[in-house]
Amino acid sequence: MTSSALITGDVPPGTVRTRKRPLADMSACQMFIWQSVLFVLIMAGWQLASGRLVSSFFISNPVDVAVRLWDWTVSGFIFPHLWVTFYETVAGYVLGSLIGALLGIWLGVAHFMSRLLNPFLFAFYALPKIALAPLLVLWFGLGLESKIALSTVIVFFLVFYNTFTGVREVDQDLIDTVRLMKAKRHQVLMHVIMPSAMSWIFAGLKISIPYALIGAIVGELIAASQGLGYLVGRMGADFDTTGVFAVLVVIGLLAVALNYLVELIQNRQERWKILSH
């Protein structure tokens, strides 16, 4: 390459331009390595800060938290509480998602009913759902039902509004074209509206996962004798910071596992959608 080409940036014929690959394009393995390094740095910083910069009474430390989690796992102490919270979260998530998706699809295609119910739905949506927890405990009792109900209410609105928006965003010209081809209403719904709105529906499903878990945890904090939320309240009342952090780690791992499950289902659905085309 000549000096003029170096100055002007011109590339001689036959020369292949090379472009540095941005960090966002790195492989999953490389990203996992970076995430692992970041995790180790955070844990090391926490360990060093505990007892030096901040009293360990307030922030504990990763070693004590890991030991506590190991003891709970070996003794089996954590599993009944984990199962209760998992059951409440999944039950509320499934019920809220199902009801929200069905109502979102129905009101998305039923313009009169959506206009009729819109102010009522919006008013209920504006209510802080956590404030409903004492009322749900009064209605459904101290058992699992009140926590499931709270998770259901929270998930319902997230899935409903995403589904409703997705149905309304479908290209009307596409719907009209299919109708001109003598497609029946259920065929338009199944072959045009649903596939087009599916990305919106899954967005609502992914967003609502942590909120379903929050609903279960908050319900257990208010009134429960089992569950991870109950453990958080119990450890906090005993001023056991290590126990609180240990439960929070379990809650975080549960949220990650549920999110991964929904992503797996979404990937399978999108692969089927591509193959069907």
Protein backbone atom coordinates (compact mmCIF):
# COMPACT_ATOMS: atom_id res chain seq x y z
CA MET A 1 0.00 0.00 0.00
CA THR A 2 1.40 3.40 -0.97
CA SER A 3 1.88 6.31 1.38
CA SER A 4 -0.90 8.25 -0.37
CA ALA A 5 -3.28 5.37 0.22
CA LEU A 6 -2.37 5.37 3.89
CA ILE A 7 -3.14 9.08 4.10
CA THR A 8 -6.37 9.07 2.13
CA GLY A 9 -7.59 5.74 3.41
CA ASP A 10 -8.02 4.33 -0.11
CA VAL A 11 -7.66 0.58 -0.40
CA PRO A 12 -5.98 -0.90 -3.48
CA PRO A 13 -8.02 -3.32 -5.59
CA GLY A 14 -7.98 -6.87 -4.30
CA THR A 15 -7.36 -5.78 -0.73
CA VAL A 16 -9.90 -7.13 1.79
CA ARG A 17 -11.02 -4.68 4.40
CA THR A 18 -10.93 -6.03 7.93
CA ARG A 19 -13.21 -4.63 10.59
CA LYS A 20 -12.80 -5.13 14.28
CA ARG A 21 -15.62 -7.16 15.71
CA PRO A 22 -17.55 -5.14 18.28
CA LEU A 23 -17.86 -6.45 21.82
CA ALA A 24 -21.58 -7.00 21.32
CA ASP A 25 -20.84 -9.69 18.70
CA MET A 26 -18.76 -11.91 20.98
CA SER A 27 -19.79 -15.53 21.39
CA ALA A 28 -21.87 -16.87 24.27
CA CYS A 29 -18.79 -18.54 25.74
CA GLN A 30 -16.81 -15.31 25.69
CA MET A 31 -19.70 -13.41 27.23
CA PHE A 32 -19.97 -16.04 29.97
CA ILE A 33 -16.28 -15.57 30.73
CA TRP A 34 -16.71 -11.80 31.02
CA GLN A 35 -19.78 -12.27 33.23
CA SER A 36 -17.84 -14.70 35.44
CA VAL A 37 -14.99 -12.22 35.79
CA LEU A 38 -17.42 -9.46 36.72
CA PHE A 39 -19.10 -11.75 39.28
CA VAL A 40 -15.76 -12.62 40.88
CA LEU A 41 -14.81 -8.93 41.07
CA ILE A 42 -18.13 -8.06 42.73
CA MET A 43 -17.77 -10.88 45.26
CA ALA A 44 -14.16 -9.90 45.98
CA GLY A 45 -15.16 -6.27 46.48
CA TRP A 46 -17.98 -7.30 48.80
CA GLN A 47 -15.66 -9.56 50.82
CA LEU A 48 -13.01 -6.85 51.14
CA ALA A 49 -15.55 -4.17 52.09
CA SER A 50 -17.18 -6.32 54.77
CA GLY A 51 -15.68 -5.54 58.15
CA ARG A 52 -13.35 -2.92 56.69
CA LEU A 53 -15.43 -0.24 55.00
CA VAL A 54 -18.81 -1.37 56.32
CA SER A 55 -19.62 -3.44 59.38
CA SER A 56 -20.32 -7.09 58.53
CA PHE A 57 -23.43 -6.80 60.70
CA PHE A 58 -25.04 -4.73 57.95
CA ILE A 59 -23.77 -6.40 54.75
CA SER A 60 -22.45 -9.81 55.91
CA ASN A 61 -19.97 -11.28 53.38
CA PRO A 62 -20.01 -13.80 50.49
CA VAL A 63 -18.19 -16.53 52.45
CA ASP A 64 -20.71 -16.54 55.31
CA VAL A 65 -23.61 -16.42 52.85
CA ALA A 66 -22.20 -19.38 50.89
CA VAL A 67 -21.71 -21.36 54.11
CA ARG A 68 -25.28 -20.62 55.19
CA LEU A 69 -26.65 -21.71 51.80
CA TRP A 70 -24.61 -24.91 51.97
CA ASP A 71 -25.92 -25.71 55.46
CA TRP A 72 -29.50 -25.09 54.36
CA THR A 73 -29.03 -27.27 51.28
CA VAL A 74 -27.40 -30.17 53.13
CA SER A 75 -30.01 -30.11 55.91
CA GLY A 76 -32.86 -29.67 53.43
CA PHE A 77 -34.12 -26.64 55.36
CA ILE A 78 -34.51 -24.41 52.29
CA PHE A 79 -36.38 -26.80 50.01
CA PRO A 80 -39.90 -26.67 51.58
CA HIS A 81 -39.78 -22.87 51.56
CA LEU A 82 -38.44 -22.82 48.00
CA TRP A 83 -41.18 -25.17 46.83
CA VAL A 84 -43.95 -23.05 48.40
CA THR A 85 -42.72 -19.86 46.74
CA PHE A 86 -42.12 -21.66 43.43
CA TYR A 87 -45.64 -23.08 43.45
CA GLU A 88 -47.24 -19.73 44.30
CA THR A 89 -45.20 -17.94 41.64
CA VAL A 90 -45.86 -20.44 38.86
CA ALA A 91 -49.57 -20.77 39.68
CA GLY A 92 -50.05 -16.99 39.76
CA TYR A 93 -47.95 -16.56 36.64
CA VAL A 94 -49.87 -19.16 34.64
CA LEU A 95 -53.28 -17.90 35.74
CA GLY A 96 -52.43 -14.24 35.22
CA SER A 97 -50.82 -14.90 31.83
CA LEU A 98 -53.70 -17.02 30.59
CA ILE A 99 -56.42 -14.60 31.65
CA GLY A 100 -54.43 -11.56 30.51
CA ALA A 101 -53.63 -13.02 27.09
CA LEU A 102 -57.20 -14.17 26.42
CA LEU A 103 -58.73 -10.86 27.50
CA GLY A 104 -56.09 -8.91 25.58
CA ILE A 105 -56.85 -10.82 22.37
CA TRP A 106 -60.60 -10.47 22.83
CA LEU A 107 -60.55 -6.74 23.53
CA GLY A 108 -57.94 -6.26 20.82
CA VAL A 109 -60.39 -7.43 18.16
CA ALA A 110 -63.58 -6.24 19.88
CA HIS A 111 -63.31 -2.47 19.47
CA PHE A 112 -66.65 -1.62 21.10
CA MET A 113 -65.93 -3.63 24.24
CA SER A 114 -62.41 -2.24 24.52
CA ARG A 115 -63.75 1.32 24.43
CA LEU A 116 -66.47 0.40 26.93
CA LEU A 117 -64.14 -1.25 29.46
CA ASN A 118 -61.08 0.95 28.95
CA PRO A 119 -61.68 3.46 31.82
CA PHE A 120 -62.48 0.66 34.28
CA LEU A 121 -59.42 -1.38 33.35
CA PHE A 122 -57.17 1.66 33.48
CA ALA A 123 -58.51 2.69 36.90
CA PHE A 124 -57.87 -0.80 38.27
CA TYR A 125 -54.45 -0.90 36.61
CA ALA A 126 -53.50 2.40 38.27
CA LEU A 127 -54.09 0.93 41.73
CA PRO A 128 -50.90 -0.18 43.51
CA LYS A 129 -51.29 -3.96 43.45
CA ILE A 130 -49.28 -4.39 46.65
CA ALA A 131 -51.99 -2.41 48.46
CA LEU A 132 -54.42 -5.18 47.53
CA ALA A 133 -52.45 -7.77 49.51
CA PRO A 134 -54.24 -7.28 52.86
CA LEU A 135 -57.59 -7.42 51.09
CA LEU A 136 -56.63 -10.62 49.26
CA VAL A 137 -55.51 -12.16 52.55
CA LEU A 138 -58.93 -11.26 53.99
CA TRP A 139 -60.70 -12.84 51.00
CA PHE A 140 -58.59 -15.95 50.47
CA GLY A 141 -57.12 -16.55 53.92
CA LEU A 142 -53.56 -17.04 55.13
CA GLY A 143 -52.81 -20.01 52.89
CA LEU A 144 -51.30 -20.23 49.43
CA GLU A 145 -54.41 -18.90 47.72
CA SER A 146 -53.91 -15.25 48.74
CA LYS A 147 -50.32 -15.23 47.42
CA ILE A 148 -51.39 -16.87 44.17
CA ALA A 149 -54.16 -14.29 43.82
CA LEU A 150 -51.72 -11.39 44.30
CA SER A 151 -49.31 -12.80 41.71
CA THR A 152 -52.20 -13.39 39.33
CA VAL A 153 -53.42 -9.79 39.57
CA ILE A 154 -49.94 -8.36 39.01
CA VAL A 155 -49.15 -10.62 36.03
CA PHE A 156 -52.58 -10.18 34.48
CA PHE A 157 -52.19 -6.48 33.69
CA LEU A 158 -48.66 -6.80 32.33
CA VAL A 159 -49.63 -9.58 29.93
CA PHE A 160 -52.99 -8.04 29.10
CA TYR A 161 -51.68 -4.65 27.98
CA ASN A 162 -48.83 -6.17 25.98
CA THR A 163 -51.21 -8.58 24.25
CA PHE A 164 -53.81 -5.88 23.62
CA THR A 165 -51.18 -3.58 22.10
CA GLY A 166 -49.77 -6.38 19.98
CA VAL A 167 -53.18 -7.24 18.54
CA ARG A 168 -53.90 -3.59 17.78
CA GLU A 169 -50.52 -3.18 16.06
CA VAL A 170 -51.25 -5.85 13.45
CA ASP A 171 -51.22 -4.40 9.94
CA GLN A 172 -54.86 -3.76 9.00
CA ASP A 173 -54.04 -4.06 5.29
CA LEU A 174 -52.84 -7.60 5.90
CA ILE A 175 -56.05 -8.46 7.73
CA ASP A 176 -58.15 -6.96 4.91
CA THR A 177 -56.17 -8.90 2.31
CA VAL A 178 -56.77 -12.20 4.10
CA ARG A 179 -60.46 -11.39 4.45
CA LEU A 180 -60.68 -10.74 0.71
CA MET A 181 -59.38 -14.28 0.28
CA LYS A 182 -62.54 -15.48 2.07
CA ALA A 183 -60.74 -16.32 5.31
CA LYS A 184 -63.04 -16.85 8.26
CA ARG A 185 -62.74 -14.89 11.47
CA HIS A 186 -61.02 -17.66 13.42
CA GLN A 187 -58.59 -18.19 10.52
CA VAL A 188 -57.67 -14.49 10.54
CA LEU A 189 -57.13 -14.72 14.28
CA MET A 190 -55.01 -17.88 14.22
CA HIS A 191 -52.97 -17.26 11.06
CA VAL A 192 -52.57 -13.47 11.02
CA ILE A 193 -53.28 -11.78 14.34
CA MET A 194 -51.78 -14.33 16.72
CA PRO A 195 -48.44 -14.83 14.88
CA SER A 196 -48.05 -11.06 14.48
CA ALA A 197 -48.81 -10.35 18.14
CA MET A 198 -46.74 -13.24 19.52
CA SER A 199 -43.61 -11.14 20.08
CA TRP A 200 -45.67 -8.67 22.13
CA ILE A 201 -47.21 -11.51 24.14
CA PHE A 202 -43.82 -13.03 24.95
CA ALA A 203 -42.50 -9.60 25.90
CA GLY A 204 -45.29 -9.37 28.46
CA LEU A 205 -44.59 -12.91 29.64
CA LYS A 206 -40.90 -12.16 30.19
CA ILE A 207 -41.54 -8.84 31.92
CA SER A 208 -44.07 -10.37 34.30
CA ILE A 209 -41.80 -13.17 35.63
CA PRO A 210 -40.09 -11.12 38.37
CA TYR A 211 -43.40 -9.46 39.22
CA ALA A 212 -45.06 -12.83 39.75
CA LEU A 213 -42.25 -13.68 42.16
CA ILE A 214 -42.58 -10.28 43.84
CA GLY A 215 -46.30 -10.90 44.36
CA ALA A 216 -45.62 -14.23 46.06
CA ILE A 217 -42.81 -12.81 48.22
CA VAL A 218 -44.83 -9.78 49.33
CA GLY A 219 -47.81 -11.98 50.18
CA GLU A 220 -45.54 -14.18 52.29
CA LEU A 221 -44.04 -11.15 54.04
CA ILE A 222 -47.52 -10.01 55.06
CA ALA A 223 -48.90 -13.31 56.30
CA ALA A 224 -47.34 -16.75 55.92
CA SER A 225 -45.69 -19.57 57.83
CA GLN A 226 -43.65 -20.88 54.89
CA GLY A 227 -41.94 -19.55 51.79
CA LEU A 228 -38.91 -17.45 50.90
CA GLY A 229 -40.72 -14.22 51.77
CA TYR A 230 -41.52 -15.63 55.20
CA LEU A 231 -37.82 -16.51 55.62
CA VAL A 232 -36.76 -12.97 54.71
CA GLY A 233 -39.10 -11.54 57.34
CA ARG A 234 -38.00 -14.09 59.92
CA MET A 235 -34.27 -13.52 59.33
CA GLY A 236 -34.78 -9.76 59.35
CA ALA A 237 -36.66 -9.92 62.64
CA ASP A 238 -33.72 -11.87 64.12
CA PHE A 239 -31.22 -9.30 62.73
CA ASP A 240 -29.62 -12.15 60.78
CA THR A 241 -28.10 -10.29 57.82
CA THR A 242 -26.38 -13.41 56.48
CA GLY A 243 -29.68 -15.26 56.43
CA VAL A 244 -31.41 -12.41 54.61
CA PHE A 245 -28.71 -12.32 51.92
CA ALA A 246 -28.84 -16.11 51.59
CA VAL A 247 -32.59 -16.02 50.95
CA LEU A 248 -32.15 -13.16 48.47
CA VAL A 249 -29.63 -15.26 46.54
CA VAL A 250 -32.15 -18.11 46.34
CA ILE A 251 -34.86 -15.71 45.15
CA GLY A 252 -32.53 -14.33 42.47
CA LEU A 253 -31.61 -17.83 41.25
CA LEU A 254 -35.29 -18.77 41.11
CA ALA A 255 -36.08 -15.67 39.02
CA VAL A 256 -33.21 -16.46 36.62
CA ALA A 257 -34.39 -20.07 36.23
CA LEU A 258 -37.97 -19.02 35.47
CA ASN A 259 -36.80 -16.39 32.99
CA TYR A 260 -34.61 -18.98 31.23
CA LEU A 261 -37.60 -21.32 30.97
CA VAL A 262 -39.73 -18.66 29.28
CA GLU A 263 -36.88 -17.78 26.90
CA LEU A 264 -36.56 -21.47 26.00
CA ILE A 265 -40.28 -21.66 25.19
CA GLN A 266 -40.05 -18.43 23.17
CA ASN A 267 -37.10 -19.71 21.14
CA ARG A 268 -38.95 -22.92 20.35
CA GLN A 269 -42.03 -20.96 19.30
CA GLU A 270 -40.03 -18.62 17.07
CA ARG A 271 -38.22 -21.58 15.47
CA TRP A 272 -41.58 -23.21 14.76
CA LYS A 273 -42.86 -19.93 13.33
CA ILE A 274 -39.89 -19.68 10.94
CA LEU A 275 -40.27 -23.31 9.83
CA SER A 276 -44.01 -22.86 9.29
CA HIS A 277 -43.33 -20.03 6.88
